[in-house]
Amino acid sequence: MTNQMNSGNERVDLAYRRRKNAEEMRHQVIAFVLMILLTLIAFAAVGYEEFSHWFVIPFILLLAGVQVAFQLYYFMHMSHKGHEFPALFIYGGVLVMLVLVWAFSTIVWW
């Protein structure tokens, strides 16, 4: 079974696909520009000598997390229908990783 729009009218179907493709491309260009902006902000944070490394390191990790979300949702199309199962595995892996980091950090600190 395919999820294609098929109205029986080729002009309507073509116009719909073009509109959806243009919308998708616009979202990808915006995400790409935002990712470049986040990268420049990270470089500026590292280059600015007044910031402590206690601020810069978590800040860069936060920016990296935002960029991973952009990668998943816009460039790997995780926001589309039909990608719920791979998303479940990705989020499950992230949850396991966070629990492992938390557990090992607790073991080392105590």
PDB file of N, CA and C in Angstrom:
ATOM      1  N   MET A   1       0.818  -1.183   0.000  1.00  0.00           N
ATOM      2  CA  MET A   1       0.000   0.000   0.000  1.00  0.00           C
ATOM      3  C   MET A   1       0.860   1.244   0.000  1.00  0.00           C
ATOM      4  N   THR A   2       0.565   2.181  -0.847  1.00  0.00           N
ATOM      5  CA  THR A   2       1.326   3.425  -0.894  1.00  0.00           C
ATOM      6  C   THR A   2       0.464   4.574  -0.405  1.00  0.00           C
ATOM      7  N   ASN A   3       1.119   5.581   0.113  1.00  0.00           N
ATOM      8  CA  ASN A   3       0.426   6.767   0.609  1.00  0.00           C
ATOM      9  C   ASN A   3       0.526   7.893  -0.406  1.00  0.00           C
ATOM     10  N   GLN A   4       0.251   7.621  -1.667  1.00  0.00           N
ATOM     11  CA  GLN A   4       0.358   8.634  -2.688  1.00  0.00           C
ATOM     12  C   GLN A   4      -0.986   9.322  -2.865  1.00  0.00           C
ATOM     13  N   MET A   5      -0.893  10.608  -3.139  1.00  0.00           N
ATOM     14  CA  MET A   5      -2.097  11.376  -3.453  1.00  0.00           C
ATOM     15  C   MET A   5      -2.452  11.080  -4.894  1.00  0.00           C
ATOM     16  N   ASN A   6      -3.634  10.552  -5.129  1.00  0.00           N
ATOM     17  CA  ASN A   6      -4.035  10.218  -6.478  1.00  0.00           C
ATOM     18  C   ASN A   6      -5.488  10.621  -6.652  1.00  0.00           C
ATOM     19  N   SER A   7      -5.686  11.764  -7.263  1.00  0.00           N
ATOM     20  CA  SER A   7      -7.041  12.256  -7.467  1.00  0.00           C
ATOM     21  C   SER A   7      -7.588  11.857  -8.828  1.00  0.00           C
ATOM     22  N   GLY A   8      -6.731  11.283  -9.663  1.00  0.00           N
ATOM     23  CA  GLY A   8      -7.165  10.948 -11.005  1.00  0.00           C
ATOM     24  C   GLY A   8      -6.874  12.060 -12.001  1.00  0.00           C
ATOM     25  N   ASN A   9      -6.563  13.234 -11.504  1.00  0.00           N
ATOM     26  CA  ASN A   9      -6.231  14.371 -12.346  1.00  0.00           C
ATOM     27  C   ASN A   9      -4.732  14.627 -12.227  1.00  0.00           C
ATOM     28  N   GLU A  10      -4.018  14.427 -13.329  1.00  0.00           N
ATOM     29  CA  GLU A  10      -2.561  14.546 -13.287  1.00  0.00           C
ATOM     30  C   GLU A  10      -2.099  15.949 -12.937  1.00  0.00           C
ATOM     31  N   ARG A  11      -2.827  16.965 -13.370  1.00  0.00           N
ATOM     32  CA  ARG A  11      -2.426  18.345 -13.069  1.00  0.00           C
ATOM     33  C   ARG A  11      -2.554  18.645 -11.581  1.00  0.00           C
ATOM     34  N   VAL A  12      -3.601  18.151 -10.970  1.00  0.00           N
ATOM     35  CA  VAL A  12      -3.793  18.376  -9.542  1.00  0.00           C
ATOM     36  C   VAL A  12      -2.702  17.646  -8.755  1.00  0.00           C
ATOM     37  N   ASP A  13      -2.430  16.389  -9.132  1.00  0.00           N
ATOM     38  CA  ASP A  13      -1.398  15.609  -8.450  1.00  0.00           C
ATOM     39  C   ASP A  13      -0.026  16.258  -8.605  1.00  0.00           C
ATOM     40  N   LEU A  14       0.292  16.738  -9.796  1.00  0.00           N
ATOM     41  CA  LEU A  14       1.577  17.377 -10.035  1.00  0.00           C
ATOM     42  C   LEU A  14       1.703  18.672  -9.239  1.00  0.00           C
ATOM     43  N   ALA A  15       0.644  19.455  -9.195  1.00  0.00           N
ATOM     44  CA  ALA A  15       0.666  20.706  -8.430  1.00  0.00           C
ATOM     45  C   ALA A  15       0.822  20.415  -6.939  1.00  0.00           C
ATOM     46  N   TYR A  16       0.149  19.379  -6.462  1.00  0.00           N
ATOM     47  CA  TYR A  16       0.258  19.017  -5.044  1.00  0.00           C
ATOM     48  C   TYR A  16       1.689  18.584  -4.709  1.00  0.00           C
ATOM     49  N   ARG A  17       2.286  17.726  -5.549  1.00  0.00           N
ATOM     50  CA  ARG A  17       3.660  17.272  -5.301  1.00  0.00           C
ATOM     51  C   ARG A  17       4.651  18.422  -5.356  1.00  0.00           C
ATOM     52  N   ARG A  18       4.484  19.325  -6.310  1.00  0.00           N
ATOM     53  CA  ARG A  18       5.385  20.479  -6.403  1.00  0.00           C
ATOM     54  C   ARG A  18       5.269  21.356  -5.159  1.00  0.00           C
ATOM     55  N   ARG A  19       4.057  21.587  -4.702  1.00  0.00           N
ATOM     56  CA  ARG A  19       3.839  22.415  -3.512  1.00  0.00           C
ATOM     57  C   ARG A  19       4.463  21.742  -2.280  1.00  0.00           C
ATOM     58  N   LYS A  20       4.278  20.442  -2.130  1.00  0.00           N
ATOM     59  CA  LYS A  20       4.859  19.726  -0.992  1.00  0.00           C
ATOM     60  C   LYS A  20       6.375  19.707  -1.067  1.00  0.00           C
ATOM     61  N   ASN A  21       6.935  19.509  -2.269  1.00  0.00           N
ATOM     62  CA  ASN A  21       8.389  19.520  -2.432  1.00  0.00           C
ATOM     63  C   ASN A  21       8.968  20.894  -2.139  1.00  0.00           C
ATOM     64  N   ALA A  22       8.292  21.947  -2.577  1.00  0.00           N
ATOM     65  CA  ALA A  22       8.773  23.307  -2.308  1.00  0.00           C
ATOM     66  C   ALA A  22       8.729  23.601  -0.812  1.00  0.00           C
ATOM     67  N   GLU A  23       7.677  23.146  -0.147  1.00  0.00           N
ATOM     68  CA  GLU A  23       7.567  23.344   1.301  1.00  0.00           C
ATOM     69  C   GLU A  23       8.669  22.582   2.034  1.00  0.00           C
ATOM     70  N   GLU A  24       8.915  21.358   1.610  1.00  0.00           N
ATOM     71  CA  GLU A  24       9.969  20.545   2.226  1.00  0.00           C
ATOM     72  C   GLU A  24      11.339  21.189   2.018  1.00  0.00           C
ATOM     73  N   MET A  25      11.607  21.681   0.821  1.00  0.00           N
ATOM     74  CA  MET A  25      12.887  22.332   0.540  1.00  0.00           C
ATOM     75  C   MET A  25      13.045  23.597   1.375  1.00  0.00           C
ATOM     76  N   ARG A  26      11.977  24.358   1.542  1.00  0.00           N
ATOM     77  CA  ARG A  26      12.032  25.567   2.365  1.00  0.00           C
ATOM     78  C   ARG A  26      12.390  25.215   3.802  1.00  0.00           C
ATOM     79  N   HIS A  27      11.802  24.160   4.340  1.00  0.00           N
ATOM     80  CA  HIS A  27      12.107  23.724   5.703  1.00  0.00           C
ATOM     81  C   HIS A  27      13.572  23.298   5.816  1.00  0.00           C
ATOM     82  N   GLN A  28      14.080  22.597   4.804  1.00  0.00           N
ATOM     83  CA  GLN A  28      15.467  22.153   4.851  1.00  0.00           C
ATOM     84  C   GLN A  28      16.448  23.316   4.759  1.00  0.00           C
ATOM     85  N   VAL A  29      16.138  24.301   3.940  1.00  0.00           N
ATOM     86  CA  VAL A  29      17.016  25.467   3.831  1.00  0.00           C
ATOM     87  C   VAL A  29      17.018  26.255   5.139  1.00  0.00           C
ATOM     88  N   ILE A  30      15.868  26.419   5.749  1.00  0.00           N
ATOM     89  CA  ILE A  30      15.794  27.128   7.030  1.00  0.00           C
ATOM     90  C   ILE A  30      16.577  26.375   8.098  1.00  0.00           C
ATOM     91  N   ALA A  31      16.422  25.062   8.145  1.00  0.00           N
ATOM     92  CA  ALA A  31      17.163  24.259   9.127  1.00  0.00           C
ATOM     93  C   ALA A  31      18.662  24.340   8.873  1.00  0.00           C
ATOM     94  N   PHE A  32      19.073  24.337   7.616  1.00  0.00           N
ATOM     95  CA  PHE A  32      20.487  24.433   7.290  1.00  0.00           C
ATOM     96  C   PHE A  32      21.057  25.780   7.732  1.00  0.00           C
ATOM     97  N   VAL A  33      20.338  26.853   7.466  1.00  0.00           N
ATOM     98  CA  VAL A  33      20.791  28.189   7.877  1.00  0.00           C
ATOM     99  C   VAL A  33      20.872  28.277   9.400  1.00  0.00           C
ATOM    100  N   LEU A  34      19.887  27.717  10.093  1.00  0.00           N
ATOM    101  CA  LEU A  34      19.927  27.731  11.558  1.00  0.00           C
ATOM    102  C   LEU A  34      21.105  26.916  12.093  1.00  0.00           C
ATOM    103  N   MET A  35      21.420  25.804  11.434  1.00  0.00           N
ATOM    104  CA  MET A  35      22.557  24.996  11.879  1.00  0.00           C
ATOM    105  C   MET A  35      23.873  25.730  11.662  1.00  0.00           C
ATOM    106  N   ILE A  36      24.006  26.441  10.555  1.00  0.00           N
ATOM    107  CA  ILE A  36      25.200  27.250  10.327  1.00  0.00           C
ATOM    108  C   ILE A  36      25.290  28.347  11.380  1.00  0.00           C
ATOM    109  N   LEU A  37      24.176  28.985  11.686  1.00  0.00           N
ATOM    110  CA  LEU A  37      24.146  30.031  12.716  1.00  0.00           C
ATOM    111  C   LEU A  37      24.551  29.471  14.079  1.00  0.00           C
ATOM    112  N   LEU A  38      24.040  28.290  14.432  1.00  0.00           N
ATOM    113  CA  LEU A  38      24.408  27.668  15.706  1.00  0.00           C
ATOM    114  C   LEU A  38      25.895  27.324  15.744  1.00  0.00           C
ATOM    115  N   THR A  39      26.444  26.900  14.608  1.00  0.00           N
ATOM    116  CA  THR A  39      27.874  26.606  14.547  1.00  0.00           C
ATOM    117  C   THR A  39      28.694  27.883  14.748  1.00  0.00           C
ATOM    118  N   LEU A  40      28.279  28.969  14.128  1.00  0.00           N
ATOM    119  CA  LEU A  40      28.988  30.238  14.301  1.00  0.00           C
ATOM    120  C   LEU A  40      28.898  30.735  15.749  1.00  0.00           C
ATOM    121  N   ILE A  41      27.755  30.527  16.380  1.00  0.00           N
ATOM    122  CA  ILE A  41      27.608  30.908  17.788  1.00  0.00           C
ATOM    123  C   ILE A  41      28.547  30.071  18.655  1.00  0.00           C
ATOM    124  N   ALA A  42      28.674  28.780  18.347  1.00  0.00           N
ATOM    125  CA  ALA A  42      29.586  27.924  19.112  1.00  0.00           C
ATOM    126  C   ALA A  42      31.033  28.378  18.943  1.00  0.00           C
ATOM    127  N   PHE A  43      31.417  28.717  17.710  1.00  0.00           N
ATOM    128  CA  PHE A  43      32.773  29.218  17.485  1.00  0.00           C
ATOM    129  C   PHE A  43      33.005  30.531  18.238  1.00  0.00           C
ATOM    130  N   ALA A  44      32.009  31.399  18.232  1.00  0.00           N
ATOM    131  CA  ALA A  44      32.139  32.674  18.935  1.00  0.00           C
ATOM    132  C   ALA A  44      32.261  32.457  20.442  1.00  0.00           C
ATOM    133  N   ALA A  45      31.517  31.499  20.982  1.00  0.00           N
ATOM    134  CA  ALA A  45      31.580  31.221  22.421  1.00  0.00           C
ATOM    135  C   ALA A  45      32.963  30.702  22.806  1.00  0.00           C
ATOM    136  N   VAL A  46      33.561  29.882  21.967  1.00  0.00           N
ATOM    137  CA  VAL A  46      34.900  29.364  22.255  1.00  0.00           C
ATOM    138  C   VAL A  46      35.946  30.466  22.089  1.00  0.00           C
ATOM    139  N   GLY A  47      35.786  31.297  21.086  1.00  0.00           N
ATOM    140  CA  GLY A  47      36.755  32.337  20.811  1.00  0.00           C
ATOM    141  C   GLY A  47      36.709  33.500  21.785  1.00  0.00           C
ATOM    142  N   TYR A  48      35.571  33.707  22.425  1.00  0.00           N
ATOM    143  CA  TYR A  48      35.434  34.816  23.373  1.00  0.00           C
ATOM    144  C   TYR A  48      36.096  34.419  24.684  1.00  0.00           C
ATOM    145  N   GLU A  49      37.157  35.083  25.034  1.00  0.00           N
ATOM    146  CA  GLU A  49      37.990  34.687  26.165  1.00  0.00           C
ATOM    147  C   GLU A  49      37.345  34.958  27.525  1.00  0.00           C
ATOM    148  N   GLU A  50      36.316  35.777  27.561  1.00  0.00           N
ATOM    149  CA  GLU A  50      35.682  36.130  28.833  1.00  0.00           C
ATOM    150  C   GLU A  50      34.822  34.988  29.394  1.00  0.00           C
ATOM    151  N   PHE A  51      34.405  34.075  28.533  1.00  0.00           N
ATOM    152  CA  PHE A  51      33.560  32.973  28.990  1.00  0.00           C
ATOM    153  C   PHE A  51      34.415  31.899  29.651  1.00  0.00           C
ATOM    154  N   SER A  52      33.937  31.403  30.760  1.00  0.00           N
ATOM    155  CA  SER A  52      34.609  30.312  31.454  1.00  0.00           C
ATOM    156  C   SER A  52      34.340  28.997  30.721  1.00  0.00           C
ATOM    157  N   HIS A  53      35.260  28.045  30.894  1.00  0.00           N
ATOM    158  CA  HIS A  53      35.029  26.737  30.260  1.00  0.00           C
ATOM    159  C   HIS A  53      33.854  26.021  30.924  1.00  0.00           C
ATOM    160  N   TRP A  54      33.488  26.421  32.127  1.00  0.00           N
ATOM    161  CA  TRP A  54      32.316  25.841  32.791  1.00  0.00           C
ATOM    162  C   TRP A  54      31.021  26.275  32.114  1.00  0.00           C
ATOM    163  N   PHE A  55      31.065  27.381  31.392  1.00  0.00           N
ATOM    164  CA  PHE A  55      29.905  27.812  30.614  1.00  0.00           C
ATOM    165  C   PHE A  55      29.981  27.281  29.187  1.00  0.00           C
ATOM    166  N   VAL A  56      31.162  27.336  28.589  1.00  0.00           N
ATOM    167  CA  VAL A  56      31.317  27.026  27.166  1.00  0.00           C
ATOM    168  C   VAL A  56      31.011  25.558  26.862  1.00  0.00           C
ATOM    169  N   ILE A  57      31.519  24.649  27.672  1.00  0.00           N
ATOM    170  CA  ILE A  57      31.331  23.224  27.377  1.00  0.00           C
ATOM    171  C   ILE A  57      29.855  22.812  27.400  1.00  0.00           C
ATOM    172  N   PRO A  58      29.073  23.129  28.460  1.00  0.00           N
ATOM    173  CA  PRO A  58      27.647  22.771  28.398  1.00  0.00           C
ATOM    174  C   PRO A  58      26.895  23.519  27.299  1.00  0.00           C
ATOM    175  N   PHE A  59      27.312  24.750  27.032  1.00  0.00           N
ATOM    176  CA  PHE A  59      26.662  25.530  25.976  1.00  0.00           C
ATOM    177  C   PHE A  59      26.857  24.874  24.611  1.00  0.00           C
ATOM    178  N   ILE A  60      28.077  24.417  24.334  1.00  0.00           N
ATOM    179  CA  ILE A  60      28.358  23.749  23.062  1.00  0.00           C
ATOM    180  C   ILE A  60      27.608  22.416  22.983  1.00  0.00           C
ATOM    181  N   LEU A  61      27.532  21.697  24.092  1.00  0.00           N
ATOM    182  CA  LEU A  61      26.775  20.440  24.097  1.00  0.00           C
ATOM    183  C   LEU A  61      25.290  20.694  23.842  1.00  0.00           C
ATOM    184  N   LEU A  62      24.763  21.778  24.390  1.00  0.00           N
ATOM    185  CA  LEU A  62      23.366  22.142  24.135  1.00  0.00           C
ATOM    186  C   LEU A  62      23.156  22.457  22.652  1.00  0.00           C
ATOM    187  N   LEU A  63      24.056  23.245  22.077  1.00  0.00           N
ATOM    188  CA  LEU A  63      23.956  23.563  20.650  1.00  0.00           C
ATOM    189  C   LEU A  63      24.085  22.303  19.795  1.00  0.00           C
ATOM    190  N   ALA A  64      24.940  21.375  20.213  1.00  0.00           N
ATOM    191  CA  ALA A  64      25.086  20.115  19.476  1.00  0.00           C
ATOM    192  C   ALA A  64      23.794  19.304  19.534  1.00  0.00           C
ATOM    193  N   GLY A  65      23.142  19.281  20.683  1.00  0.00           N
ATOM    194  CA  GLY A  65      21.863  18.574  20.804  1.00  0.00           C
ATOM    195  C   GLY A  65      20.796  19.163  19.895  1.00  0.00           C
ATOM    196  N   VAL A  66      20.763  20.484  19.814  1.00  0.00           N
ATOM    197  CA  VAL A  66      19.800  21.142  18.926  1.00  0.00           C
ATOM    198  C   VAL A  66      20.108  20.786  17.471  1.00  0.00           C
ATOM    199  N   GLN A  67      21.385  20.740  17.118  1.00  0.00           N
ATOM    200  CA  GLN A  67      21.744  20.393  15.748  1.00  0.00           C
ATOM    201  C   GLN A  67      21.414  18.932  15.424  1.00  0.00           C
ATOM    202  N   VAL A  68      21.549  18.054  16.392  1.00  0.00           N
ATOM    203  CA  VAL A  68      21.157  16.650  16.177  1.00  0.00           C
ATOM    204  C   VAL A  68      19.653  16.572  15.920  1.00  0.00           C
ATOM    205  N   ALA A  69      18.877  17.337  16.670  1.00  0.00           N
ATOM    206  CA  ALA A  69      17.425  17.349  16.446  1.00  0.00           C
ATOM    207  C   ALA A  69      17.100  17.860  15.042  1.00  0.00           C
ATOM    208  N   PHE A  70      17.775  18.931  14.600  1.00  0.00           N
ATOM    209  CA  PHE A  70      17.563  19.418  13.236  1.00  0.00           C
ATOM    210  C   PHE A  70      17.924  18.347  12.214  1.00  0.00           C
ATOM    211  N   GLN A  71      19.046  17.661  12.445  1.00  0.00           N
ATOM    212  CA  GLN A  71      19.454  16.607  11.521  1.00  0.00           C
ATOM    213  C   GLN A  71      18.391  15.522  11.431  1.00  0.00           C
ATOM    214  N   LEU A  72      17.903  15.076  12.573  1.00  0.00           N
ATOM    215  CA  LEU A  72      16.919  13.993  12.573  1.00  0.00           C
ATOM    216  C   LEU A  72      15.610  14.414  11.932  1.00  0.00           C
ATOM    217  N   TYR A  73      15.106  15.561  12.300  1.00  0.00           N
ATOM    218  CA  TYR A  73      13.760  15.922  11.871  1.00  0.00           C
ATOM    219  C   TYR A  73      13.698  16.509  10.474  1.00  0.00           C
ATOM    220  N   TYR A  74      14.721  17.200  10.038  1.00  0.00           N
ATOM    221  CA  TYR A  74      14.620  17.828   8.730  1.00  0.00           C
ATOM    222  C   TYR A  74      15.418  17.113   7.652  1.00  0.00           C
ATOM    223  N   PHE A  75      16.618  16.644   7.957  1.00  0.00           N
ATOM    224  CA  PHE A  75      17.433  16.028   6.926  1.00  0.00           C
ATOM    225  C   PHE A  75      17.243  14.521   6.854  1.00  0.00           C
ATOM    226  N   MET A  76      16.844  13.891   7.946  1.00  0.00           N
ATOM    227  CA  MET A  76      16.581  12.453   7.916  1.00  0.00           C
ATOM    228  C   MET A  76      15.080  12.169   7.890  1.00  0.00           C
ATOM    229  N   HIS A  77      14.270  13.210   7.754  1.00  0.00           N
ATOM    230  CA  HIS A  77      12.827  13.120   7.544  1.00  0.00           C
ATOM    231  C   HIS A  77      12.091  12.375   8.660  1.00  0.00           C
ATOM    232  N   MET A  78      12.548  12.522   9.892  1.00  0.00           N
ATOM    233  CA  MET A  78      11.872  11.855  11.010  1.00  0.00           C
ATOM    234  C   MET A  78      10.527  12.496  11.334  1.00  0.00           C
ATOM    235  N   SER A  79      10.264  13.665  10.798  1.00  0.00           N
ATOM    236  CA  SER A  79       8.994  14.320  11.066  1.00  0.00           C
ATOM    237  C   SER A  79       7.872  13.796  10.161  1.00  0.00           C
ATOM    238  N   HIS A  80       8.222  12.972   9.184  1.00  0.00           N
ATOM    239  CA  HIS A  80       7.213  12.453   8.267  1.00  0.00           C
ATOM    240  C   HIS A  80       6.491  11.250   8.866  1.00  0.00           C
ATOM    241  N   LYS A  81       5.311  11.008   8.349  1.00  0.00           N
ATOM    242  CA  LYS A  81       4.558   9.829   8.769  1.00  0.00           C
ATOM    243  C   LYS A  81       5.277   8.570   8.317  1.00  0.00           C
ATOM    244  N   GLY A  82       5.162   7.516   9.112  1.00  0.00           N
ATOM    245  CA  GLY A  82       5.779   6.252   8.766  1.00  0.00           C
ATOM    246  C   GLY A  82       7.164   6.067   9.357  1.00  0.00           C
ATOM    247  N   HIS A  83       7.665   7.058  10.086  1.00  0.00           N
ATOM    248  CA  HIS A  83       8.986   6.951  10.691  1.00  0.00           C
ATOM    249  C   HIS A  83       8.892   6.793  12.214  1.00  0.00           C
ATOM    250  N   GLU A  84       7.762   6.341  12.700  1.00  0.00           N
ATOM    251  CA  GLU A  84       7.583   6.213  14.138  1.00  0.00           C
ATOM    252  C   GLU A  84       8.427   5.078  14.721  1.00  0.00           C
ATOM    253  N   PHE A  85       8.545   3.971  13.987  1.00  0.00           N
ATOM    254  CA  PHE A  85       9.301   2.824  14.487  1.00  0.00           C
ATOM    255  C   PHE A  85      10.795   3.125  14.593  1.00  0.00           C
ATOM    256  N   PRO A  86      11.430   3.704  13.561  1.00  0.00           N
ATOM    257  CA  PRO A  86      12.838   4.085  13.736  1.00  0.00           C
ATOM    258  C   PRO A  86      13.022   5.138  14.828  1.00  0.00           C
ATOM    259  N   ALA A  87      12.075   6.056  14.944  1.00  0.00           N
ATOM    260  CA  ALA A  87      12.160   7.082  16.005  1.00  0.00           C
ATOM    261  C   ALA A  87      12.104   6.424  17.379  1.00  0.00           C
ATOM    262  N   LEU A  88      11.304   5.387  17.519  1.00  0.00           N
ATOM    263  CA  LEU A  88      11.220   4.673  18.788  1.00  0.00           C
ATOM    264  C   LEU A  88      12.574   4.084  19.167  1.00  0.00           C
ATOM    265  N   PHE A  89      13.267   3.494  18.203  1.00  0.00           N
ATOM    266  CA  PHE A  89      14.583   2.930  18.485  1.00  0.00           C
ATOM    267  C   PHE A  89      15.614   4.022  18.786  1.00  0.00           C
ATOM    268  N   ILE A  90      15.551   5.124  18.082  1.00  0.00           N
ATOM    269  CA  ILE A  90      16.491   6.216  18.351  1.00  0.00           C
ATOM    270  C   ILE A  90      16.267   6.764  19.749  1.00  0.00           C
ATOM    271  N   TYR A  91      15.020   7.050  20.098  1.00  0.00           N
ATOM    272  CA  TYR A  91      14.734   7.587  21.427  1.00  0.00           C
ATOM    273  C   TYR A  91      15.025   6.562  22.515  1.00  0.00           C
ATOM    274  N   GLY A  92      14.777   5.289  22.238  1.00  0.00           N
ATOM    275  CA  GLY A  92      15.119   4.239  23.194  1.00  0.00           C
ATOM    276  C   GLY A  92      16.622   4.170  23.426  1.00  0.00           C
ATOM    277  N   GLY A  93      17.404   4.283  22.350  1.00  0.00           N
ATOM    278  CA  GLY A  93      18.860   4.288  22.472  1.00  0.00           C
ATOM    279  C   GLY A  93      19.358   5.487  23.254  1.00  0.00           C
ATOM    280  N   VAL A  94      18.760   6.648  23.020  1.00  0.00           N
ATOM    281  CA  VAL A  94      19.139   7.854  23.772  1.00  0.00           C
ATOM    282  C   VAL A  94      18.804   7.670  25.249  1.00  0.00           C
ATOM    283  N   LEU A  95      17.656   7.082  25.546  1.00  0.00           N
ATOM    284  CA  LEU A  95      17.269   6.850  26.941  1.00  0.00           C
ATOM    285  C   LEU A  95      18.242   5.891  27.624  1.00  0.00           C
ATOM    286  N   VAL A  96      18.607   4.805  26.947  1.00  0.00           N
ATOM    287  CA  VAL A  96      19.568   3.852  27.511  1.00  0.00           C
ATOM    288  C   VAL A  96      20.913   4.532  27.738  1.00  0.00           C
ATOM    289  N   MET A  97      21.354   5.345  26.785  1.00  0.00           N
ATOM    290  CA  MET A  97      22.619   6.058  26.931  1.00  0.00           C
ATOM    291  C   MET A  97      22.583   7.015  28.119  1.00  0.00           C
ATOM    292  N   LEU A  98      21.501   7.754  28.280  1.00  0.00           N
ATOM    293  CA  LEU A  98      21.398   8.680  29.415  1.00  0.00           C
ATOM    294  C   LEU A  98      21.398   7.944  30.750  1.00  0.00           C
ATOM    295  N   VAL A  99      20.698   6.812  30.817  1.00  0.00           N
ATOM    296  CA  VAL A  99      20.672   6.026  32.053  1.00  0.00           C
ATOM    297  C   VAL A  99      22.060   5.466  32.352  1.00  0.00           C
ATOM    298  N   LEU A 100      22.774   5.000  31.322  1.00  0.00           N
ATOM    299  CA  LEU A 100      24.123   4.478  31.540  1.00  0.00           C
ATOM    300  C   LEU A 100      25.088   5.571  32.003  1.00  0.00           C
ATOM    301  N   VAL A 101      25.022   6.734  31.384  1.00  0.00           N
ATOM    302  CA  VAL A 101      25.890   7.837  31.807  1.00  0.00           C
ATOM    303  C   VAL A 101      25.571   8.228  33.243  1.00  0.00           C
ATOM    304  N   TRP A 102      24.297   8.329  33.559  1.00  0.00           N
ATOM    305  CA  TRP A 102      23.887   8.674  34.926  1.00  0.00           C
ATOM    306  C   TRP A 102      24.361   7.608  35.918  1.00  0.00           C
ATOM    307  N   ALA A 103      24.200   6.331  35.580  1.00  0.00           N
ATOM    308  CA  ALA A 103      24.587   5.244  36.482  1.00  0.00           C
ATOM    309  C   ALA A 103      26.098   5.223  36.703  1.00  0.00           C
ATOM    310  N   PHE A 104      26.868   5.321  35.633  1.00  0.00           N
ATOM    311  CA  PHE A 104      28.318   5.294  35.796  1.00  0.00           C
ATOM    312  C   PHE A 104      28.835   6.548  36.485  1.00  0.00           C
ATOM    313  N   SER A 105      28.208   7.688  36.243  1.00  0.00           N
ATOM    314  CA  SER A 105      28.604   8.900  36.952  1.00  0.00           C
ATOM    315  C   SER A 105      28.325   8.758  38.438  1.00  0.00           C
ATOM    316  N   THR A 106      27.211   8.159  38.785  1.00  0.00           N
ATOM    317  CA  THR A 106      26.875   7.942  40.195  1.00  0.00           C
ATOM    318  C   THR A 106      27.870   6.985  40.837  1.00  0.00           C
ATOM    319  N   ILE A 107      28.239   5.930  40.128  1.00  0.00           N
ATOM    320  CA  ILE A 107      29.205   4.957  40.672  1.00  0.00           C
ATOM    321  C   ILE A 107      30.563   5.624  40.896  1.00  0.00           C
ATOM    322  N   VAL A 108      31.005   6.440  39.960  1.00  0.00           N
ATOM    323  CA  VAL A 108      32.315   7.077  40.071  1.00  0.00           C
ATOM    324  C   VAL A 108      32.323   8.124  41.186  1.00  0.00           C
ATOM    325  N   TRP A 109      31.252   8.892  41.308  1.00  0.00           N
ATOM    326  CA  TRP A 109      31.230   9.972  42.295  1.00  0.00           C
ATOM    327  C   TRP A 109      31.046   9.456  43.724  1.00  0.00           C
ATOM    328  N   TRP A 110      30.404   8.311  43.910  1.00  0.00           N
ATOM    329  CA  TRP A 110      30.125   7.835  45.268  1.00  0.00           C
ATOM    330  C   TRP A 110      31.058   6.706  45.539  1.00  0.00           C
TER     331      TRP A 110
END
